Amino acid sequence: MFNGEEFHEEQFEIHNLYLKHVIKEKNDIIPVDAFFQIFSHSVFLCKFDWTLDFVNKFGKRLETKFQNNAVNYSLDVIYYNDKEYDKALKLLASIKNFSYIHYKPSVKMLQMKVFF
């Protein structure tokens, strides 16, 4: 998978199985790194409707300190892909602290893409 695109759909199915069988209880917390990886992979595959549903459902199940940034960044990416740049910029401005290491470079890259 690291060298090509052959198995991306299979990896997506593994993510779905993980969500269905490992994070099955309503009060189970999803790890922020798993959330970010699943989100990023679904965006890569252009599964935006599924991604929006995922963010709405599982964003609330992140640790409290990660929820705001994760949900706002995720919605920003969806707005960007829908070409709703004004909405994306407003949400980008609301991300102040970077509680998860991968959000800072991702937010900065998205800002550049929106302004471009």
PDB file of N, CA and C in Angstrom:
ATOM      1  N   MET A   1       0.811  -1.195   0.000  1.00  0.00           N
ATOM      2  CA  MET A   1       0.000   0.000   0.000  1.00  0.00           C
ATOM      3  C   MET A   1       0.854   1.259   0.000  1.00  0.00           C
ATOM      4  N   PHE A   2       2.018   1.218   0.626  1.00  0.00           N
ATOM      5  CA  PHE A   2       2.847   2.401   0.694  1.00  0.00           C
ATOM      6  C   PHE A   2       3.431   2.774  -0.654  1.00  0.00           C
ATOM      7  N   ASN A   3       3.538   1.840  -1.579  1.00  0.00           N
ATOM      8  CA  ASN A   3       4.150   2.104  -2.876  1.00  0.00           C
ATOM      9  C   ASN A   3       3.147   2.373  -3.983  1.00  0.00           C
ATOM     10  N   GLY A   4       1.871   2.194  -3.719  1.00  0.00           N
ATOM     11  CA  GLY A   4       0.901   2.377  -4.789  1.00  0.00           C
ATOM     12  C   GLY A   4      -0.491   2.547  -4.253  1.00  0.00           C
ATOM     13  N   GLU A   5      -1.448   2.511  -5.152  1.00  0.00           N
ATOM     14  CA  GLU A   5      -2.834   2.755  -4.782  1.00  0.00           C
ATOM     15  C   GLU A   5      -3.684   1.497  -4.857  1.00  0.00           C
ATOM     16  N   GLU A   6      -3.077   0.351  -4.956  1.00  0.00           N
ATOM     17  CA  GLU A   6      -3.833  -0.876  -5.180  1.00  0.00           C
ATOM     18  C   GLU A   6      -4.796  -1.221  -4.054  1.00  0.00           C
ATOM     19  N   PHE A   7      -4.403  -0.946  -2.830  1.00  0.00           N
ATOM     20  CA  PHE A   7      -5.155  -1.466  -1.698  1.00  0.00           C
ATOM     21  C   PHE A   7      -5.859  -0.401  -0.867  1.00  0.00           C
ATOM     22  N   HIS A   8      -6.088   0.758  -1.435  1.00  0.00           N
ATOM     23  CA  HIS A   8      -6.729   1.819  -0.658  1.00  0.00           C
ATOM     24  C   HIS A   8      -8.172   1.482  -0.293  1.00  0.00           C
ATOM     25  N   GLU A   9      -8.895   0.875  -1.188  1.00  0.00           N
ATOM     26  CA  GLU A   9     -10.278   0.490  -0.868  1.00  0.00           C
ATOM     27  C   GLU A   9     -10.309  -0.561   0.233  1.00  0.00           C
ATOM     28  N   GLU A  10      -9.370  -1.490   0.196  1.00  0.00           N
ATOM     29  CA  GLU A  10      -9.296  -2.515   1.237  1.00  0.00           C
ATOM     30  C   GLU A  10      -8.964  -1.886   2.588  1.00  0.00           C
ATOM     31  N   GLN A  11      -8.065  -0.909   2.584  1.00  0.00           N
ATOM     32  CA  GLN A  11      -7.735  -0.202   3.824  1.00  0.00           C
ATOM     33  C   GLN A  11      -8.952   0.556   4.346  1.00  0.00           C
ATOM     34  N   PHE A  12      -9.725   1.126   3.452  1.00  0.00           N
ATOM     35  CA  PHE A  12     -10.955   1.821   3.838  1.00  0.00           C
ATOM     36  C   PHE A  12     -11.930   0.848   4.499  1.00  0.00           C
ATOM     37  N   GLU A  13     -12.046  -0.346   3.962  1.00  0.00           N
ATOM     38  CA  GLU A  13     -12.909  -1.364   4.565  1.00  0.00           C
ATOM     39  C   GLU A  13     -12.398  -1.789   5.945  1.00  0.00           C
ATOM     40  N   ILE A  14     -11.084  -1.846   6.102  1.00  0.00           N
ATOM     41  CA  ILE A  14     -10.503  -2.166   7.414  1.00  0.00           C
ATOM     42  C   ILE A  14     -10.852  -1.065   8.409  1.00  0.00           C
ATOM     43  N   HIS A  15     -10.803   0.187   7.980  1.00  0.00           N
ATOM     44  CA  HIS A  15     -11.211   1.289   8.856  1.00  0.00           C
ATOM     45  C   HIS A  15     -12.667   1.131   9.283  1.00  0.00           C
ATOM     46  N   ASN A  16     -13.520   0.767   8.336  1.00  0.00           N
ATOM     47  CA  ASN A  16     -14.937   0.568   8.661  1.00  0.00           C
ATOM     48  C   ASN A  16     -15.128  -0.571   9.655  1.00  0.00           C
ATOM     49  N   LEU A  17     -14.387  -1.643   9.471  1.00  0.00           N
ATOM     50  CA  LEU A  17     -14.466  -2.761  10.418  1.00  0.00           C
ATOM     51  C   LEU A  17     -13.989  -2.342  11.805  1.00  0.00           C
ATOM     52  N   TYR A  18     -12.936  -1.551  11.850  1.00  0.00           N
ATOM     53  CA  TYR A  18     -12.434  -1.034  13.119  1.00  0.00           C
ATOM     54  C   TYR A  18     -13.518  -0.227  13.833  1.00  0.00           C
ATOM     55  N   LEU A  19     -14.175   0.649  13.088  1.00  0.00           N
ATOM     56  CA  LEU A  19     -15.228   1.474  13.691  1.00  0.00           C
ATOM     57  C   LEU A  19     -16.403   0.630  14.149  1.00  0.00           C
ATOM     58  N   LYS A  20     -16.716  -0.384  13.401  1.00  0.00           N
ATOM     59  CA  LYS A  20     -17.879  -1.225  13.716  1.00  0.00           C
ATOM     60  C   LYS A  20     -17.612  -2.167  14.884  1.00  0.00           C
ATOM     61  N   HIS A  21     -16.421  -2.742  14.948  1.00  0.00           N
ATOM     62  CA  HIS A  21     -16.166  -3.794  15.924  1.00  0.00           C
ATOM     63  C   HIS A  21     -15.317  -3.373  17.123  1.00  0.00           C
ATOM     64  N   VAL A  22     -14.491  -2.363  16.974  1.00  0.00           N
ATOM     65  CA  VAL A  22     -13.642  -1.948  18.092  1.00  0.00           C
ATOM     66  C   VAL A  22     -14.255  -0.752  18.820  1.00  0.00           C
ATOM     67  N   ILE A  23     -14.741   0.216  18.069  1.00  0.00           N
ATOM     68  CA  ILE A  23     -15.363   1.405  18.659  1.00  0.00           C
ATOM     69  C   ILE A  23     -16.879   1.232  18.543  1.00  0.00           C
ATOM     70  N   LYS A  24     -17.415   0.275  19.270  1.00  0.00           N
ATOM     71  CA  LYS A  24     -18.826  -0.048  19.074  1.00  0.00           C
ATOM     72  C   LYS A  24     -19.739   0.519  20.151  1.00  0.00           C
ATOM     73  N   GLU A  25     -19.243   0.692  21.347  1.00  0.00           N
ATOM     74  CA  GLU A  25     -20.073   1.226  22.417  1.00  0.00           C
ATOM     75  C   GLU A  25     -20.226   2.731  22.262  1.00  0.00           C
ATOM     76  N   LYS A  26     -21.352   3.248  22.642  1.00  0.00           N
ATOM     77  CA  LYS A  26     -21.629   4.680  22.515  1.00  0.00           C
ATOM     78  C   LYS A  26     -20.655   5.536  23.318  1.00  0.00           C
ATOM     79  N   ASN A  27     -20.120   4.986  24.415  1.00  0.00           N
ATOM     80  CA  ASN A  27     -19.223   5.768  25.249  1.00  0.00           C
ATOM     81  C   ASN A  27     -17.746   5.474  24.983  1.00  0.00           C
ATOM     82  N   ASP A  28     -17.444   4.636  23.994  1.00  0.00           N
ATOM     83  CA  ASP A  28     -16.053   4.376  23.637  1.00  0.00           C
ATOM     84  C   ASP A  28     -15.437   5.630  23.034  1.00  0.00           C
ATOM     85  N   ILE A  29     -14.225   5.908  23.441  1.00  0.00           N
ATOM     86  CA  ILE A  29     -13.492   7.061  22.895  1.00  0.00           C
ATOM     87  C   ILE A  29     -12.648   6.575  21.727  1.00  0.00           C
ATOM     88  N   ILE A  30     -12.702   7.327  20.639  1.00  0.00           N
ATOM     89  CA  ILE A  30     -11.862   6.998  19.487  1.00  0.00           C
ATOM     90  C   ILE A  30     -10.543   7.756  19.649  1.00  0.00           C
ATOM     91  N   PRO A  31      -9.419   7.093  19.506  1.00  0.00           N
ATOM     92  CA  PRO A  31      -8.123   7.784  19.615  1.00  0.00           C
ATOM     93  C   PRO A  31      -7.969   8.829  18.508  1.00  0.00           C
ATOM     94  N   VAL A  32      -7.381   9.963  18.841  1.00  0.00           N
ATOM     95  CA  VAL A  32      -7.258  11.056  17.881  1.00  0.00           C
ATOM     96  C   VAL A  32      -6.428  10.657  16.667  1.00  0.00           C
ATOM     97  N   ASP A  33      -5.410   9.834  16.868  1.00  0.00           N
ATOM     98  CA  ASP A  33      -4.602   9.429  15.714  1.00  0.00           C
ATOM     99  C   ASP A  33      -5.398   8.530  14.771  1.00  0.00           C
ATOM    100  N   ALA A  34      -6.255   7.670  15.312  1.00  0.00           N
ATOM    101  CA  ALA A  34      -7.113   6.831  14.468  1.00  0.00           C
ATOM    102  C   ALA A  34      -8.133   7.701  13.734  1.00  0.00           C
ATOM    103  N   PHE A  35      -8.708   8.667  14.426  1.00  0.00           N
ATOM    104  CA  PHE A  35      -9.664   9.587  13.804  1.00  0.00           C
ATOM    105  C   PHE A  35      -9.017  10.317  12.634  1.00  0.00           C
ATOM    106  N   PHE A  36      -7.818  10.867  12.870  1.00  0.00           N
ATOM    107  CA  PHE A  36      -7.120  11.626  11.833  1.00  0.00           C
ATOM    108  C   PHE A  36      -6.767  10.740  10.641  1.00  0.00           C
ATOM    109  N   GLN A  37      -6.320   9.527  10.911  1.00  0.00           N
ATOM    110  CA  GLN A  37      -5.943   8.617   9.828  1.00  0.00           C
ATOM    111  C   GLN A  37      -7.162   8.203   9.003  1.00  0.00           C
ATOM    112  N   ILE A  38      -8.246   7.849   9.681  1.00  0.00           N
ATOM    113  CA  ILE A  38      -9.468   7.445   8.964  1.00  0.00           C
ATOM    114  C   ILE A  38     -10.015   8.611   8.160  1.00  0.00           C
ATOM    115  N   PHE A  39     -10.039   9.786   8.783  1.00  0.00           N
ATOM    116  CA  PHE A  39     -10.515  10.980   8.079  1.00  0.00           C
ATOM    117  C   PHE A  39      -9.668  11.254   6.833  1.00  0.00           C
ATOM    118  N   SER A  40      -8.360  11.283   7.008  1.00  0.00           N
ATOM    119  CA  SER A  40      -7.459  11.585   5.886  1.00  0.00           C
ATOM    120  C   SER A  40      -7.599  10.579   4.749  1.00  0.00           C
ATOM    121  N   HIS A  41      -7.747   9.330   5.105  1.00  0.00           N
ATOM    122  CA  HIS A  41      -7.863   8.292   4.080  1.00  0.00           C
ATOM    123  C   HIS A  41      -9.172   8.416   3.322  1.00  0.00           C
ATOM    124  N   SER A  42     -10.259   8.714   4.015  1.00  0.00           N
ATOM    125  CA  SER A  42     -11.549   8.847   3.333  1.00  0.00           C
ATOM    126  C   SER A  42     -11.570  10.081   2.426  1.00  0.00           C
ATOM    127  N   VAL A  43     -10.883  11.147   2.828  1.00  0.00           N
ATOM    128  CA  VAL A  43     -10.774  12.327   1.959  1.00  0.00           C
ATOM    129  C   VAL A  43      -9.932  11.996   0.733  1.00  0.00           C
ATOM    130  N   PHE A  44      -8.840  11.269   0.932  1.00  0.00           N
ATOM    131  CA  PHE A  44      -7.993  10.846  -0.181  1.00  0.00           C
ATOM    132  C   PHE A  44      -8.805  10.074  -1.218  1.00  0.00           C
ATOM    133  N   LEU A  45      -9.743   9.248  -0.730  1.00  0.00           N
ATOM    134  CA  LEU A  45     -10.575   8.457  -1.633  1.00  0.00           C
ATOM    135  C   LEU A  45     -11.784   9.226  -2.155  1.00  0.00           C
ATOM    136  N   CYS A  46     -11.899  10.511  -1.776  1.00  0.00           N
ATOM    137  CA  CYS A  46     -13.000  11.396  -2.207  1.00  0.00           C
ATOM    138  C   CYS A  46     -14.367  10.870  -1.771  1.00  0.00           C
ATOM    139  N   LYS A  47     -14.433  10.283  -0.602  1.00  0.00           N
ATOM    140  CA  LYS A  47     -15.695   9.794  -0.037  1.00  0.00           C
ATOM    141  C   LYS A  47     -16.229  10.852   0.927  1.00  0.00           C
ATOM    142  N   PHE A  48     -16.608  12.008   0.378  1.00  0.00           N
ATOM    143  CA  PHE A  48     -16.935  13.166   1.204  1.00  0.00           C
ATOM    144  C   PHE A  48     -18.236  13.008   1.983  1.00  0.00           C
ATOM    145  N   ASP A  49     -19.246  12.365   1.422  1.00  0.00           N
ATOM    146  CA  ASP A  49     -20.481  12.143   2.174  1.00  0.00           C
ATOM    147  C   ASP A  49     -20.215  11.224   3.360  1.00  0.00           C
ATOM    148  N   TRP A  50     -19.469  10.151   3.118  1.00  0.00           N
ATOM    149  CA  TRP A  50     -19.111   9.235   4.202  1.00  0.00           C
ATOM    150  C   TRP A  50     -18.278   9.970   5.245  1.00  0.00           C
ATOM    151  N   THR A  51     -17.354  10.801   4.785  1.00  0.00           N
ATOM    152  CA  THR A  51     -16.467  11.540   5.681  1.00  0.00           C
ATOM    153  C   THR A  51     -17.254  12.484   6.576  1.00  0.00           C
ATOM    154  N   LEU A  52     -18.206  13.203   6.005  1.00  0.00           N
ATOM    155  CA  LEU A  52     -19.023  14.122   6.796  1.00  0.00           C
ATOM    156  C   LEU A  52     -19.813  13.360   7.852  1.00  0.00           C
ATOM    157  N   ASP A  53     -20.371  12.228   7.479  1.00  0.00           N
ATOM    158  CA  ASP A  53     -21.095  11.388   8.436  1.00  0.00           C
ATOM    159  C   ASP A  53     -20.153  10.899   9.542  1.00  0.00           C
ATOM    160  N   PHE A  54     -18.953  10.495   9.169  1.00  0.00           N
ATOM    161  CA  PHE A  54     -17.948  10.038  10.129  1.00  0.00           C
ATOM    162  C   PHE A  54     -17.601  11.144  11.124  1.00  0.00           C
ATOM    163  N   VAL A  55     -17.356  12.346  10.630  1.00  0.00           N
ATOM    164  CA  VAL A  55     -16.989  13.471  11.496  1.00  0.00           C
ATOM    165  C   VAL A  55     -18.125  13.782  12.466  1.00  0.00           C
ATOM    166  N   ASN A  56     -19.348  13.819  11.961  1.00  0.00           N
ATOM    167  CA  ASN A  56     -20.492  14.118  12.825  1.00  0.00           C
ATOM    168  C   ASN A  56     -20.714  13.043  13.888  1.00  0.00           C
ATOM    169  N   LYS A  57     -20.481  11.808  13.523  1.00  0.00           N
ATOM    170  CA  LYS A  57     -20.724  10.705  14.447  1.00  0.00           C
ATOM    171  C   LYS A  57     -19.584  10.497  15.445  1.00  0.00           C
ATOM    172  N   PHE A  58     -18.360  10.525  14.963  1.00  0.00           N
ATOM    173  CA  PHE A  58     -17.228  10.165  15.814  1.00  0.00           C
ATOM    174  C   PHE A  58     -16.460  11.360  16.368  1.00  0.00           C
ATOM    175  N   GLY A  59     -16.691  12.553  15.852  1.00  0.00           N
ATOM    176  CA  GLY A  59     -16.029  13.736  16.389  1.00  0.00           C
ATOM    177  C   GLY A  59     -16.382  13.971  17.847  1.00  0.00           C
ATOM    178  N   LYS A  60     -17.603  13.627  18.213  1.00  0.00           N
ATOM    179  CA  LYS A  60     -18.065  13.785  19.599  1.00  0.00           C
ATOM    180  C   LYS A  60     -17.458  12.744  20.528  1.00  0.00           C
ATOM    181  N   ARG A  61     -16.858  11.718  19.965  1.00  0.00           N
ATOM    182  CA  ARG A  61     -16.314  10.626  20.767  1.00  0.00           C
ATOM    183  C   ARG A  61     -14.795  10.713  20.934  1.00  0.00           C
ATOM    184  N   LEU A  62     -14.230  11.832  20.524  1.00  0.00           N
ATOM    185  CA  LEU A  62     -12.817  12.094  20.779  1.00  0.00           C
ATOM    186  C   LEU A  62     -12.665  12.627  22.201  1.00  0.00           C
ATOM    187  N   GLU A  63     -11.437  12.561  22.723  1.00  0.00           N
ATOM    188  CA  GLU A  63     -11.179  13.206  24.003  1.00  0.00           C
ATOM    189  C   GLU A  63     -11.533  14.683  23.872  1.00  0.00           C
ATOM    190  N   THR A  64     -12.030  15.265  24.943  1.00  0.00           N
ATOM    191  CA  THR A  64     -12.503  16.648  24.919  1.00  0.00           C
ATOM    192  C   THR A  64     -11.451  17.618  24.387  1.00  0.00           C
ATOM    193  N   LYS A  65     -10.200  17.426  24.764  1.00  0.00           N
ATOM    194  CA  LYS A  65      -9.158  18.371  24.336  1.00  0.00           C
ATOM    195  C   LYS A  65      -8.889  18.332  22.832  1.00  0.00           C
ATOM    196  N   PHE A  66      -9.324  17.263  22.138  1.00  0.00           N
ATOM    197  CA  PHE A  66      -9.099  17.141  20.699  1.00  0.00           C
ATOM    198  C   PHE A  66     -10.339  17.464  19.863  1.00  0.00           C
ATOM    199  N   GLN A  67     -11.504  17.453  20.468  1.00  0.00           N
ATOM    200  CA  GLN A  67     -12.752  17.551  19.710  1.00  0.00           C
ATOM    201  C   GLN A  67     -12.845  18.787  18.829  1.00  0.00           C
ATOM    202  N   ASN A  68     -12.612  19.947  19.413  1.00  0.00           N
ATOM    203  CA  ASN A  68     -12.800  21.189  18.674  1.00  0.00           C
ATOM    204  C   ASN A  68     -11.921  21.261  17.435  1.00  0.00           C
ATOM    205  N   ASN A  69     -10.628  21.040  17.617  1.00  0.00           N
ATOM    206  CA  ASN A  69      -9.704  21.112  16.477  1.00  0.00           C
ATOM    207  C   ASN A  69     -10.012  20.054  15.430  1.00  0.00           C
ATOM    208  N   ALA A  70     -10.266  18.841  15.878  1.00  0.00           N
ATOM    209  CA  ALA A  70     -10.508  17.744  14.934  1.00  0.00           C
ATOM    210  C   ALA A  70     -11.752  17.989  14.094  1.00  0.00           C
ATOM    211  N   VAL A  71     -12.827  18.378  14.736  1.00  0.00           N
ATOM    212  CA  VAL A  71     -14.079  18.606  14.003  1.00  0.00           C
ATOM    213  C   VAL A  71     -13.952  19.823  13.089  1.00  0.00           C
ATOM    214  N   ASN A  72     -13.396  20.914  13.601  1.00  0.00           N
ATOM    215  CA  ASN A  72     -13.256  22.120  12.777  1.00  0.00           C
ATOM    216  C   ASN A  72     -12.339  21.892  11.578  1.00  0.00           C
ATOM    217  N   TYR A  73     -11.203  21.242  11.808  1.00  0.00           N
ATOM    218  CA  TYR A  73     -10.304  20.962  10.692  1.00  0.00           C
ATOM    219  C   TYR A  73     -10.975  20.050   9.666  1.00  0.00           C
ATOM    220  N   SER A  74     -11.652  19.033  10.143  1.00  0.00           N
ATOM    221  CA  SER A  74     -12.319  18.090   9.242  1.00  0.00           C
ATOM    222  C   SER A  74     -13.376  18.792   8.399  1.00  0.00           C
ATOM    223  N   LEU A  75     -14.181  19.632   9.027  1.00  0.00           N
ATOM    224  CA  LEU A  75     -15.189  20.378   8.275  1.00  0.00           C
ATOM    225  C   LEU A  75     -14.537  21.358   7.302  1.00  0.00           C
ATOM    226  N   ASP A  76     -13.402  21.938   7.710  1.00  0.00           N
ATOM    227  CA  ASP A  76     -12.659  22.825   6.805  1.00  0.00           C
ATOM    228  C   ASP A  76     -12.264  22.116   5.521  1.00  0.00           C
ATOM    229  N   VAL A  77     -11.756  20.933   5.651  1.00  0.00           N
ATOM    230  CA  VAL A  77     -11.332  20.163   4.478  1.00  0.00           C
ATOM    231  C   VAL A  77     -12.536  19.869   3.580  1.00  0.00           C
ATOM    232  N   ILE A  78     -13.644  19.516   4.181  1.00  0.00           N
ATOM    233  CA  ILE A  78     -14.861  19.234   3.404  1.00  0.00           C
ATOM    234  C   ILE A  78     -15.340  20.509   2.701  1.00  0.00           C
ATOM    235  N   TYR A  79     -15.348  21.639   3.425  1.00  0.00           N
ATOM    236  CA  TYR A  79     -15.730  22.913   2.801  1.00  0.00           C
ATOM    237  C   TYR A  79     -14.786  23.263   1.657  1.00  0.00           C
ATOM    238  N   TYR A  80     -13.503  23.061   1.864  1.00  0.00           N
ATOM    239  CA  TYR A  80     -12.537  23.348   0.806  1.00  0.00           C
ATOM    240  C   TYR A  80     -12.837  22.515  -0.441  1.00  0.00           C
ATOM    241  N   ASN A  81     -13.105  21.248  -0.253  1.00  0.00           N
ATOM    242  CA  ASN A  81     -13.382  20.383  -1.411  1.00  0.00           C
ATOM    243  C   ASN A  81     -14.718  20.706  -2.066  1.00  0.00           C
ATOM    244  N   ASP A  82     -15.632  21.304  -1.299  1.00  0.00           N
ATOM    245  CA  ASP A  82     -16.912  21.757  -1.863  1.00  0.00           C
ATOM    246  C   ASP A  82     -16.800  23.171  -2.437  1.00  0.00           C
ATOM    247  N   LYS A  83     -15.591  23.735  -2.402  1.00  0.00           N
ATOM    248  CA  LYS A  83     -15.301  25.092  -2.892  1.00  0.00           C
ATOM    249  C   LYS A  83     -16.056  26.171  -2.116  1.00  0.00           C
ATOM    250  N   GLU A  84     -16.272  25.912  -0.838  1.00  0.00           N
ATOM    251  CA  GLU A  84     -16.895  26.896   0.057  1.00  0.00           C
ATOM    252  C   GLU A  84     -15.776  27.533   0.894  1.00  0.00           C
ATOM    253  N   TYR A  85     -15.013  28.376   0.237  1.00  0.00           N
ATOM    254  CA  TYR A  85     -13.789  28.902   0.824  1.00  0.00           C
ATOM    255  C   TYR A  85     -14.045  29.837   2.007  1.00  0.00           C
ATOM    256  N   ASP A  86     -15.114  30.631   1.953  1.00  0.00           N
ATOM    257  CA  ASP A  86     -15.404  31.534   3.066  1.00  0.00           C
ATOM    258  C   ASP A  86     -15.701  30.760   4.347  1.00  0.00           C
ATOM    259  N   LYS A  87     -16.491  29.700   4.236  1.00  0.00           N
ATOM    260  CA  LYS A  87     -16.780  28.868   5.405  1.00  0.00           C
ATOM    261  C   LYS A  87     -15.505  28.216   5.934  1.00  0.00           C
ATOM    262  N   ALA A  88     -14.666  27.771   5.026  1.00  0.00           N
ATOM    263  CA  ALA A  88     -13.419  27.133   5.434  1.00  0.00           C
ATOM    264  C   ALA A  88     -12.527  28.111   6.187  1.00  0.00           C
ATOM    265  N   LEU A  89     -12.425  29.346   5.702  1.00  0.00           N
ATOM    266  CA  LEU A  89     -11.579  30.333   6.369  1.00  0.00           C
ATOM    267  C   LEU A  89     -12.098  30.684   7.758  1.00  0.00           C
ATOM    268  N   LYS A  90     -13.411  30.777   7.908  1.00  0.00           N
ATOM    269  CA  LYS A  90     -13.977  31.085   9.231  1.00  0.00           C
ATOM    270  C   LYS A  90     -13.649  29.988  10.237  1.00  0.00           C
ATOM    271  N   LEU A  91     -13.780  28.750   9.821  1.00  0.00           N
ATOM    272  CA  LEU A  91     -13.460  27.655  10.742  1.00  0.00           C
ATOM    273  C   LEU A  91     -11.961  27.554  10.998  1.00  0.00           C
ATOM    274  N   LEU A  92     -11.153  27.815   9.983  1.00  0.00           N
ATOM    275  CA  LEU A  92      -9.701  27.786  10.173  1.00  0.00           C
ATOM    276  C   LEU A  92      -9.277  28.804  11.230  1.00  0.00           C
ATOM    277  N   ALA A  93      -9.937  29.956  11.225  1.00  0.00           N
ATOM    278  CA  ALA A  93      -9.601  31.000  12.203  1.00  0.00           C
ATOM    279  C   ALA A  93      -9.960  30.575  13.623  1.00  0.00           C
ATOM    280  N   SER A  94     -10.875  29.634  13.760  1.00  0.00           N
ATOM    281  CA  SER A  94     -11.291  29.209  15.100  1.00  0.00           C
ATOM    282  C   SER A  94     -10.352  28.167  15.711  1.00  0.00           C
ATOM    283  N   ILE A  95      -9.419  27.658  14.932  1.00  0.00           N
ATOM    284  CA  ILE A  95      -8.456  26.681  15.455  1.00  0.00           C
ATOM    285  C   ILE A  95      -7.275  27.457  16.019  1.00  0.00           C
ATOM    286  N   LYS A  96      -7.222  27.541  17.336  1.00  0.00           N
ATOM    287  CA  LYS A  96      -6.205  28.366  18.000  1.00  0.00           C
ATOM    288  C   LYS A  96      -5.015  27.548  18.495  1.00  0.00           C
ATOM    289  N   ASN A  97      -5.293  26.514  19.229  1.00  0.00           N
ATOM    290  CA  ASN A  97      -4.188  25.702  19.763  1.00  0.00           C
ATOM    291  C   ASN A  97      -4.171  24.368  19.032  1.00  0.00           C
ATOM    292  N   PHE A  98      -3.028  23.804  18.933  1.00  0.00           N
ATOM    293  CA  PHE A  98      -2.868  22.564  18.185  1.00  0.00           C
ATOM    294  C   PHE A  98      -2.586  21.435  19.174  1.00  0.00           C
ATOM    295  N   SER A  99      -3.663  20.820  19.649  1.00  0.00           N
ATOM    296  CA  SER A  99      -3.557  19.793  20.683  1.00  0.00           C
ATOM    297  C   SER A  99      -3.026  18.471  20.138  1.00  0.00           C
ATOM    298  N   TYR A 100      -3.042  18.304  18.847  1.00  0.00           N
ATOM    299  CA  TYR A 100      -2.528  17.084  18.216  1.00  0.00           C
ATOM    300  C   TYR A 100      -1.507  17.512  17.176  1.00  0.00           C
ATOM    301  N   ILE A 101      -0.358  16.919  17.206  1.00  0.00           N
ATOM    302  CA  ILE A 101       0.800  17.370  16.427  1.00  0.00           C
ATOM    303  C   ILE A 101       0.528  17.496  14.926  1.00  0.00           C
ATOM    304  N   HIS A 102      -0.322  16.670  14.366  1.00  0.00           N
ATOM    305  CA  HIS A 102      -0.541  16.677  12.921  1.00  0.00           C
ATOM    306  C   HIS A 102      -1.460  17.802  12.450  1.00  0.00           C
ATOM    307  N   TYR A 103      -2.148  18.465  13.381  1.00  0.00           N
ATOM    308  CA  TYR A 103      -3.070  19.509  12.948  1.00  0.00           C
ATOM    309  C   TYR A 103      -2.370  20.792  12.530  1.00  0.00           C
ATOM    310  N   LYS A 104      -1.290  21.168  13.175  1.00  0.00           N
ATOM    311  CA  LYS A 104      -0.642  22.437  12.835  1.00  0.00           C
ATOM    312  C   LYS A 104      -0.182  22.466  11.378  1.00  0.00           C
ATOM    313  N   PRO A 105       0.601  21.495  10.896  1.00  0.00           N
ATOM    314  CA  PRO A 105       0.988  21.563   9.475  1.00  0.00           C
ATOM    315  C   PRO A 105      -0.208  21.399   8.531  1.00  0.00           C
ATOM    316  N   SER A 106      -1.165  20.595   8.942  1.00  0.00           N
ATOM    317  CA  SER A 106      -2.348  20.396   8.093  1.00  0.00           C
ATOM    318  C   SER A 106      -3.161  21.678   7.964  1.00  0.00           C
ATOM    319  N   VAL A 107      -3.334  22.381   9.070  1.00  0.00           N
ATOM    320  CA  VAL A 107      -4.084  23.637   9.050  1.00  0.00           C
ATOM    321  C   VAL A 107      -3.343  24.676   8.207  1.00  0.00           C
ATOM    322  N   LYS A 108      -2.040  24.772   8.374  1.00  0.00           N
ATOM    323  CA  LYS A 108      -1.262  25.752   7.603  1.00  0.00           C
ATOM    324  C   LYS A 108      -1.314  25.441   6.103  1.00  0.00           C
ATOM    325  N   MET A 109      -1.224  24.170   5.756  1.00  0.00           N
ATOM    326  CA  MET A 109      -1.308  23.772   4.341  1.00  0.00           C
ATOM    327  C   MET A 109      -2.688  24.097   3.777  1.00  0.00           C
ATOM    328  N   LEU A 110      -3.725  23.836   4.545  1.00  0.00           N
ATOM    329  CA  LEU A 110      -5.080  24.120   4.084  1.00  0.00           C
ATOM    330  C   LEU A 110      -5.279  25.625   3.924  1.00  0.00           C
ATOM    331  N   GLN A 111      -4.738  26.425   4.830  1.00  0.00           N
ATOM    332  CA  GLN A 111      -4.818  27.879   4.694  1.00  0.00           C
ATOM    333  C   GLN A 111      -4.197  28.332   3.379  1.00  0.00           C
ATOM    334  N   MET A 112      -3.035  27.824   3.076  1.00  0.00           N
ATOM    335  CA  MET A 112      -2.379  28.201   1.815  1.00  0.00           C
ATOM    336  C   MET A 112      -3.218  27.793   0.613  1.00  0.00           C
ATOM    337  N   LYS A 113      -3.799  26.593   0.663  1.00  0.00           N
ATOM    338  CA  LYS A 113      -4.620  26.112  -0.453  1.00  0.00           C
ATOM    339  C   LYS A 113      -5.859  26.999  -0.623  1.00  0.00           C
ATOM    340  N   VAL A 114      -6.493  27.397   0.477  1.00  0.00           N
ATOM    341  CA  VAL A 114      -7.687  28.220   0.394  1.00  0.00           C
ATOM    342  C   VAL A 114      -7.341  29.598  -0.190  1.00  0.00           C
ATOM    343  N   PHE A 115      -6.245  30.192   0.274  1.00  0.00           N
ATOM    344  CA  PHE A 115      -5.857  31.513  -0.240  1.00  0.00           C
ATOM    345  C   PHE A 115      -5.417  31.442  -1.693  1.00  0.00           C
ATOM    346  N   PHE A 116      -4.850  30.330  -2.104  1.00  0.00           N
ATOM    347  CA  PHE A 116      -4.406  30.194  -3.473  1.00  0.00           C
ATOM    348  C   PHE A 116      -5.606  30.144  -4.406  1.00  0.00           C
TER     349      PHE A 116
END
